[in-house]
Amino acid sequence: MALRSCPECRKKISETVIICPRCGFSFQEANLEIYRQKLEQQRLHNQEINRKSIKIHLFWLFIFSLVIGIAGWLTS
């Protein structure tokens, strides 16, 4: 008996089942396509959040470098 992981609850279940007995996730092709679309939307959302996070980190790195540079210039 081959096992696969349920994408919802991450438990190992038989490959022959159509519905996960633990969480009720349906493995019918239409439902799997909806699940794939949700995963793609979440991936794009996370990608956008990462872009914004990088911009914020670069801004604070610039401010920190500027403060360190000014402090070094004032003490010398």
PDB file of N, CA and C in Angstrom:
ATOM      1  N   MET A   1       0.846  -1.174   0.000  1.00  0.00           N
ATOM      2  CA  MET A   1       0.000   0.000   0.000  1.00  0.00           C
ATOM      3  C   MET A   1       0.893   1.239   0.000  1.00  0.00           C
ATOM      4  N   ALA A   2       0.722   2.060  -1.004  1.00  0.00           N
ATOM      5  CA  ALA A   2       1.497   3.288  -1.108  1.00  0.00           C
ATOM      6  C   ALA A   2       0.822   4.403  -0.320  1.00  0.00           C
ATOM      7  N   LEU A   3       1.639   5.242   0.268  1.00  0.00           N
ATOM      8  CA  LEU A   3       1.130   6.354   1.067  1.00  0.00           C
ATOM      9  C   LEU A   3       1.487   7.681   0.415  1.00  0.00           C
ATOM     10  N   ARG A   4       0.670   8.679   0.670  1.00  0.00           N
ATOM     11  CA  ARG A   4       0.951  10.049   0.245  1.00  0.00           C
ATOM     12  C   ARG A   4       0.564  10.977   1.382  1.00  0.00           C
ATOM     13  N   SER A   5       1.088  12.174   1.345  1.00  0.00           N
ATOM     14  CA  SER A   5       0.764  13.164   2.376  1.00  0.00           C
ATOM     15  C   SER A   5      -0.442  13.978   1.940  1.00  0.00           C
ATOM     16  N   CYS A   6      -1.325  14.213   2.873  1.00  0.00           N
ATOM     17  CA  CYS A   6      -2.464  15.093   2.619  1.00  0.00           C
ATOM     18  C   CYS A   6      -1.945  16.525   2.634  1.00  0.00           C
ATOM     19  N   PRO A   7      -2.265  17.336   1.621  1.00  0.00           N
ATOM     20  CA  PRO A   7      -1.764  18.713   1.601  1.00  0.00           C
ATOM     21  C   PRO A   7      -2.331  19.596   2.709  1.00  0.00           C
ATOM     22  N   GLU A   8      -3.467  19.246   3.258  1.00  0.00           N
ATOM     23  CA  GLU A   8      -4.077  20.050   4.313  1.00  0.00           C
ATOM     24  C   GLU A   8      -3.532  19.715   5.696  1.00  0.00           C
ATOM     25  N   CYS A   9      -3.641  18.438   6.086  1.00  0.00           N
ATOM     26  CA  CYS A   9      -3.266  18.067   7.449  1.00  0.00           C
ATOM     27  C   CYS A   9      -1.863  17.454   7.541  1.00  0.00           C
ATOM     28  N   ARG A  10      -1.232  17.178   6.385  1.00  0.00           N
ATOM     29  CA  ARG A  10       0.139  16.654   6.315  1.00  0.00           C
ATOM     30  C   ARG A  10       0.282  15.241   6.894  1.00  0.00           C
ATOM     31  N   LYS A  11      -0.813  14.526   7.076  1.00  0.00           N
ATOM     32  CA  LYS A  11      -0.760  13.158   7.577  1.00  0.00           C
ATOM     33  C   LYS A  11      -0.592  12.202   6.401  1.00  0.00           C
ATOM     34  N   LYS A  12       0.015  11.052   6.644  1.00  0.00           N
ATOM     35  CA  LYS A  12       0.177  10.024   5.619  1.00  0.00           C
ATOM     36  C   LYS A  12      -1.135   9.255   5.478  1.00  0.00           C
ATOM     37  N   ILE A  13      -1.602   9.157   4.222  1.00  0.00           N
ATOM     38  CA  ILE A  13      -2.832   8.407   3.950  1.00  0.00           C
ATOM     39  C   ILE A  13      -2.604   7.553   2.714  1.00  0.00           C
ATOM     40  N   SER A  14      -3.485   6.623   2.479  1.00  0.00           N
ATOM     41  CA  SER A  14      -3.396   5.735   1.334  1.00  0.00           C
ATOM     42  C   SER A  14      -3.599   6.526   0.041  1.00  0.00           C
ATOM     43  N   GLU A  15      -2.937   6.080  -1.025  1.00  0.00           N
ATOM     44  CA  GLU A  15      -3.116   6.734  -2.332  1.00  0.00           C
ATOM     45  C   GLU A  15      -4.472   6.435  -2.943  1.00  0.00           C
ATOM     46  N   THR A  16      -5.171   5.441  -2.441  1.00  0.00           N
ATOM     47  CA  THR A  16      -6.442   5.037  -3.044  1.00  0.00           C
ATOM     48  C   THR A  16      -7.631   5.840  -2.533  1.00  0.00           C
ATOM     49  N   VAL A  17      -7.491   6.554  -1.441  1.00  0.00           N
ATOM     50  CA  VAL A  17      -8.637   7.298  -0.897  1.00  0.00           C
ATOM     51  C   VAL A  17      -8.910   8.550  -1.716  1.00  0.00           C
ATOM     52  N   ILE A  18     -10.159   8.928  -1.770  1.00  0.00           N
ATOM     53  CA  ILE A  18     -10.583  10.131  -2.502  1.00  0.00           C
ATOM     54  C   ILE A  18     -10.690  11.313  -1.551  1.00  0.00           C
ATOM     55  N   ILE A  19     -11.042  11.024  -0.293  1.00  0.00           N
ATOM     56  CA  ILE A  19     -11.184  12.066   0.724  1.00  0.00           C
ATOM     57  C   ILE A  19     -10.342  11.677   1.925  1.00  0.00           C
ATOM     58  N   CYS A  20      -9.579  12.629   2.451  1.00  0.00           N
ATOM     59  CA  CYS A  20      -8.748  12.371   3.624  1.00  0.00           C
ATOM     60  C   CYS A  20      -9.659  12.056   4.813  1.00  0.00           C
ATOM     61  N   PRO A  21      -9.428  10.928   5.489  1.00  0.00           N
ATOM     62  CA  PRO A  21     -10.287  10.581   6.627  1.00  0.00           C
ATOM     63  C   PRO A  21     -10.049  11.471   7.846  1.00  0.00           C
ATOM     64  N   ARG A  22      -8.939  12.168   7.898  1.00  0.00           N
ATOM     65  CA  ARG A  22      -8.636  13.000   9.066  1.00  0.00           C
ATOM     66  C   ARG A  22      -9.195  14.413   8.941  1.00  0.00           C
ATOM     67  N   CYS A  23      -8.987  15.043   7.766  1.00  0.00           N
ATOM     68  CA  CYS A  23      -9.404  16.448   7.638  1.00  0.00           C
ATOM     69  C   CYS A  23     -10.508  16.670   6.605  1.00  0.00           C
ATOM     70  N   GLY A  24     -10.774  15.682   5.759  1.00  0.00           N
ATOM     71  CA  GLY A  24     -11.836  15.822   4.776  1.00  0.00           C
ATOM     72  C   GLY A  24     -11.407  16.436   3.456  1.00  0.00           C
ATOM     73  N   PHE A  25     -10.102  16.617   3.239  1.00  0.00           N
ATOM     74  CA  PHE A  25      -9.618  17.175   1.982  1.00  0.00           C
ATOM     75  C   PHE A  25      -9.947  16.233   0.839  1.00  0.00           C
ATOM     76  N   SER A  26     -10.498  16.757  -0.245  1.00  0.00           N
ATOM     77  CA  SER A  26     -10.900  15.939  -1.389  1.00  0.00           C
ATOM     78  C   SER A  26      -9.783  15.911  -2.425  1.00  0.00           C
ATOM     79  N   PHE A  27      -9.481  14.706  -2.913  1.00  0.00           N
ATOM     80  CA  PHE A  27      -8.444  14.540  -3.917  1.00  0.00           C
ATOM     81  C   PHE A  27      -9.006  14.467  -5.327  1.00  0.00           C
ATOM     82  N   GLN A  28     -10.237  14.897  -5.521  1.00  0.00           N
ATOM     83  CA  GLN A  28     -10.802  14.951  -6.864  1.00  0.00           C
ATOM     84  C   GLN A  28     -10.082  16.038  -7.646  1.00  0.00           C
ATOM     85  N   GLU A  29      -9.943  15.838  -8.944  1.00  0.00           N
ATOM     86  CA  GLU A  29      -9.125  16.719  -9.782  1.00  0.00           C
ATOM     87  C   GLU A  29      -9.575  18.179  -9.701  1.00  0.00           C
ATOM     88  N   ALA A  30     -10.874  18.429  -9.676  1.00  0.00           N
ATOM     89  CA  ALA A  30     -11.369  19.816  -9.605  1.00  0.00           C
ATOM     90  C   ALA A  30     -10.927  20.468  -8.300  1.00  0.00           C
ATOM     91  N   ASN A  31     -11.009  19.735  -7.205  1.00  0.00           N
ATOM     92  CA  ASN A  31     -10.600  20.283  -5.910  1.00  0.00           C
ATOM     93  C   ASN A  31      -9.092  20.463  -5.830  1.00  0.00           C
ATOM     94  N   LEU A  32      -8.353  19.558  -6.451  1.00  0.00           N
ATOM     95  CA  LEU A  32      -6.898  19.712  -6.475  1.00  0.00           C
ATOM     96  C   LEU A  32      -6.487  20.954  -7.260  1.00  0.00           C
ATOM     97  N   GLU A  33      -7.195  21.243  -8.343  1.00  0.00           N
ATOM     98  CA  GLU A  33      -6.891  22.440  -9.140  1.00  0.00           C
ATOM     99  C   GLU A  33      -7.170  23.706  -8.335  1.00  0.00           C
ATOM    100  N   ILE A  34      -8.246  23.723  -7.584  1.00  0.00           N
ATOM    101  CA  ILE A  34      -8.552  24.868  -6.716  1.00  0.00           C
ATOM    102  C   ILE A  34      -7.455  25.031  -5.675  1.00  0.00           C
ATOM    103  N   TYR A  35      -7.003  23.909  -5.118  1.00  0.00           N
ATOM    104  CA  TYR A  35      -5.933  23.944  -4.123  1.00  0.00           C
ATOM    105  C   TYR A  35      -4.635  24.484  -4.725  1.00  0.00           C
ATOM    106  N   ARG A  36      -4.322  24.060  -5.959  1.00  0.00           N
ATOM    107  CA  ARG A  36      -3.114  24.563  -6.640  1.00  0.00           C
ATOM    108  C   ARG A  36      -3.204  26.066  -6.879  1.00  0.00           C
ATOM    109  N   GLN A  37      -4.384  26.552  -7.248  1.00  0.00           N
ATOM    110  CA  GLN A  37      -4.568  27.983  -7.466  1.00  0.00           C
ATOM    111  C   GLN A  37      -4.380  28.759  -6.166  1.00  0.00           C
ATOM    112  N   LYS A  38      -4.897  28.227  -5.072  1.00  0.00           N
ATOM    113  CA  LYS A  38      -4.711  28.883  -3.775  1.00  0.00           C
ATOM    114  C   LYS A  38      -3.239  28.911  -3.394  1.00  0.00           C
ATOM    115  N   LEU A  39      -2.530  27.815  -3.657  1.00  0.00           N
ATOM    116  CA  LEU A  39      -1.092  27.785  -3.364  1.00  0.00           C
ATOM    117  C   LEU A  39      -0.331  28.820  -4.187  1.00  0.00           C
ATOM    118  N   GLU A  40      -0.702  28.959  -5.458  1.00  0.00           N
ATOM    119  CA  GLU A  40      -0.042  29.940  -6.323  1.00  0.00           C
ATOM    120  C   GLU A  40      -0.325  31.360  -5.845  1.00  0.00           C
ATOM    121  N   GLN A  41      -1.556  31.643  -5.438  1.00  0.00           N
ATOM    122  CA  GLN A  41      -1.893  32.963  -4.911  1.00  0.00           C
ATOM    123  C   GLN A  41      -1.103  33.252  -3.641  1.00  0.00           C
ATOM    124  N   GLN A  42      -0.985  32.261  -2.771  1.00  0.00           N
ATOM    125  CA  GLN A  42      -0.232  32.440  -1.532  1.00  0.00           C
ATOM    126  C   GLN A  42       1.247  32.670  -1.822  1.00  0.00           C
ATOM    127  N   ARG A  43       1.784  31.937  -2.827  1.00  0.00           N
ATOM    128  CA  ARG A  43       3.188  32.117  -3.202  1.00  0.00           C
ATOM    129  C   ARG A  43       3.435  33.534  -3.720  1.00  0.00           C
ATOM    130  N   LEU A  44       2.534  34.037  -4.546  1.00  0.00           N
ATOM    131  CA  LEU A  44       2.685  35.396  -5.073  1.00  0.00           C
ATOM    132  C   LEU A  44       2.562  36.434  -3.957  1.00  0.00           C
ATOM    133  N   HIS A  45       1.654  36.194  -3.023  1.00  0.00           N
ATOM    134  CA  HIS A  45       1.492  37.102  -1.889  1.00  0.00           C
ATOM    135  C   HIS A  45       2.758  37.126  -1.034  1.00  0.00           C
ATOM    136  N   ASN A  46       3.305  35.951  -0.754  1.00  0.00           N
ATOM    137  CA  ASN A  46       4.546  35.874   0.024  1.00  0.00           C
ATOM    138  C   ASN A  46       5.709  36.531  -0.701  1.00  0.00           C
ATOM    139  N   GLN A  47       5.754  36.396  -2.009  1.00  0.00           N
ATOM    140  CA  GLN A  47       6.803  37.020  -2.805  1.00  0.00           C
ATOM    141  C   GLN A  47       6.724  38.546  -2.687  1.00  0.00           C
ATOM    142  N   GLU A  48       5.516  39.092  -2.714  1.00  0.00           N
ATOM    143  CA  GLU A  48       5.323  40.542  -2.567  1.00  0.00           C
ATOM    144  C   GLU A  48       5.740  41.015  -1.179  1.00  0.00           C
ATOM    145  N   ILE A  49       5.384  40.238  -0.158  1.00  0.00           N
ATOM    146  CA  ILE A  49       5.790  40.577   1.206  1.00  0.00           C
ATOM    147  C   ILE A  49       7.314  40.571   1.322  1.00  0.00           C
ATOM    148  N   ASN A  50       7.966  39.592   0.716  1.00  0.00           N
ATOM    149  CA  ASN A  50       9.431  39.521   0.758  1.00  0.00           C
ATOM    150  C   ASN A  50      10.070  40.727   0.081  1.00  0.00           C
ATOM    151  N   ARG A  51       9.491  41.169  -1.038  1.00  0.00           N
ATOM    152  CA  ARG A  51      10.028  42.362  -1.715  1.00  0.00           C
ATOM    153  C   ARG A  51       9.940  43.585  -0.816  1.00  0.00           C
ATOM    154  N   LYS A  52       8.804  43.758  -0.164  1.00  0.00           N
ATOM    155  CA  LYS A  52       8.631  44.899   0.734  1.00  0.00           C
ATOM    156  C   LYS A  52       9.582  44.795   1.919  1.00  0.00           C
ATOM    157  N   SER A  53       9.765  43.593   2.425  1.00  0.00           N
ATOM    158  CA  SER A  53      10.661  43.377   3.560  1.00  0.00           C
ATOM    159  C   SER A  53      12.104  43.725   3.188  1.00  0.00           C
ATOM    160  N   ILE A  54      12.517  43.355   1.997  1.00  0.00           N
ATOM    161  CA  ILE A  54      13.877  43.666   1.548  1.00  0.00           C
ATOM    162  C   ILE A  54      14.069  45.176   1.468  1.00  0.00           C
ATOM    163  N   LYS A  55      13.079  45.885   0.958  1.00  0.00           N
ATOM    164  CA  LYS A  55      13.176  47.347   0.868  1.00  0.00           C
ATOM    165  C   LYS A  55      13.311  47.967   2.253  1.00  0.00           C
ATOM    166  N   ILE A  56      12.530  47.481   3.206  1.00  0.00           N
ATOM    167  CA  ILE A  56      12.595  48.009   4.572  1.00  0.00           C
ATOM    168  C   ILE A  56      13.953  47.727   5.187  1.00  0.00           C
ATOM    169  N   HIS A  57      14.464  46.515   4.997  1.00  0.00           N
ATOM    170  CA  HIS A  57      15.773  46.160   5.553  1.00  0.00           C
ATOM    171  C   HIS A  57      16.891  47.005   4.939  1.00  0.00           C
ATOM    172  N   LEU A  58      16.817  47.233   3.636  1.00  0.00           N
ATOM    173  CA  LEU A  58      17.831  48.069   2.985  1.00  0.00           C
ATOM    174  C   LEU A  58      17.765  49.505   3.487  1.00  0.00           C
ATOM    175  N   PHE A  59      16.556  50.014   3.719  1.00  0.00           N
ATOM    176  CA  PHE A  59      16.402  51.359   4.255  1.00  0.00           C
ATOM    177  C   PHE A  59      17.066  51.467   5.627  1.00  0.00           C
ATOM    178  N   TRP A  60      16.791  50.503   6.529  1.00  0.00           N
ATOM    179  CA  TRP A  60      17.365  50.553   7.864  1.00  0.00           C
ATOM    180  C   TRP A  60      18.869  50.310   7.845  1.00  0.00           C
ATOM    181  N   LEU A  61      19.355  49.517   6.906  1.00  0.00           N
ATOM    182  CA  LEU A  61      20.801  49.332   6.763  1.00  0.00           C
ATOM    183  C   LEU A  61      21.457  50.650   6.358  1.00  0.00           C
ATOM    184  N   PHE A  62      20.814  51.386   5.456  1.00  0.00           N
ATOM    185  CA  PHE A  62      21.339  52.680   5.047  1.00  0.00           C
ATOM    186  C   PHE A  62      21.368  53.648   6.227  1.00  0.00           C
ATOM    187  N   ILE A  63      20.275  53.714   6.995  1.00  0.00           N
ATOM    188  CA  ILE A  63      20.217  54.602   8.166  1.00  0.00           C
ATOM    189  C   ILE A  63      21.294  54.218   9.173  1.00  0.00           C
ATOM    190  N   PHE A  64      21.443  52.935   9.466  1.00  0.00           N
ATOM    191  CA  PHE A  64      22.451  52.465  10.413  1.00  0.00           C
ATOM    192  C   PHE A  64      23.859  52.824   9.933  1.00  0.00           C
ATOM    193  N   SER A  65      24.127  52.608   8.655  1.00  0.00           N
ATOM    194  CA  SER A  65      25.438  52.944   8.098  1.00  0.00           C
ATOM    195  C   SER A  65      25.696  54.438   8.175  1.00  0.00           C
ATOM    196  N   LEU A  66      24.672  55.224   7.921  1.00  0.00           N
ATOM    197  CA  LEU A  66      24.801  56.672   7.980  1.00  0.00           C
ATOM    198  C   LEU A  66      25.119  57.120   9.405  1.00  0.00           C
ATOM    199  N   VAL A  67      24.440  56.565  10.389  1.00  0.00           N
ATOM    200  CA  VAL A  67      24.683  56.919  11.784  1.00  0.00           C
ATOM    201  C   VAL A  67      26.100  56.511  12.192  1.00  0.00           C
ATOM    202  N   ILE A  68      26.523  55.325  11.826  1.00  0.00           N
ATOM    203  CA  ILE A  68      27.879  54.861  12.148  1.00  0.00           C
ATOM    204  C   ILE A  68      28.915  55.748  11.461  1.00  0.00           C
ATOM    205  N   GLY A  69      28.659  56.113  10.216  1.00  0.00           N
ATOM    206  CA  GLY A  69      29.581  56.989   9.485  1.00  0.00           C
ATOM    207  C   GLY A  69      29.687  58.364  10.123  1.00  0.00           C
ATOM    208  N   ILE A  70      28.569  58.955  10.501  1.00  0.00           N
ATOM    209  CA  ILE A  70      28.582  60.262  11.154  1.00  0.00           C
ATOM    210  C   ILE A  70      29.272  60.195  12.502  1.00  0.00           C
ATOM    211  N   ALA A  71      28.986  59.114  13.275  1.00  0.00           N
ATOM    212  CA  ALA A  71      29.642  58.960  14.584  1.00  0.00           C
ATOM    213  C   ALA A  71      31.136  58.791  14.416  1.00  0.00           C
ATOM    214  N   GLY A  72      31.572  58.065  13.430  1.00  0.00           N
ATOM    215  CA  GLY A  72      33.007  57.902  13.165  1.00  0.00           C
ATOM    216  C   GLY A  72      33.638  59.219  12.737  1.00  0.00           C
ATOM    217  N   TRP A  73      32.961  59.995  11.938  1.00  0.00           N
ATOM    218  CA  TRP A  73      33.488  61.272  11.460  1.00  0.00           C
ATOM    219  C   TRP A  73      33.592  62.276  12.625  1.00  0.00           C
ATOM    220  N   LEU A  74      32.580  62.277  13.519  1.00  0.00           N
ATOM    221  CA  LEU A  74      32.581  63.205  14.648  1.00  0.00           C
ATOM    222  C   LEU A  74      33.655  62.864  15.676  1.00  0.00           C
ATOM    223  N   THR A  75      33.980  61.612  15.852  1.00  0.00           N
ATOM    224  CA  THR A  75      34.968  61.224  16.879  1.00  0.00           C
ATOM    225  C   THR A  75      36.400  61.336  16.372  1.00  0.00           C
ATOM    226  N   SER A  76      36.593  61.466  15.079  1.00  0.00           N
ATOM    227  CA  SER A  76      37.975  61.567  14.597  1.00  0.00           C
ATOM    228  C   SER A  76      38.446  62.973  14.434  1.00  0.00           C
TER     229      SER A  76
END
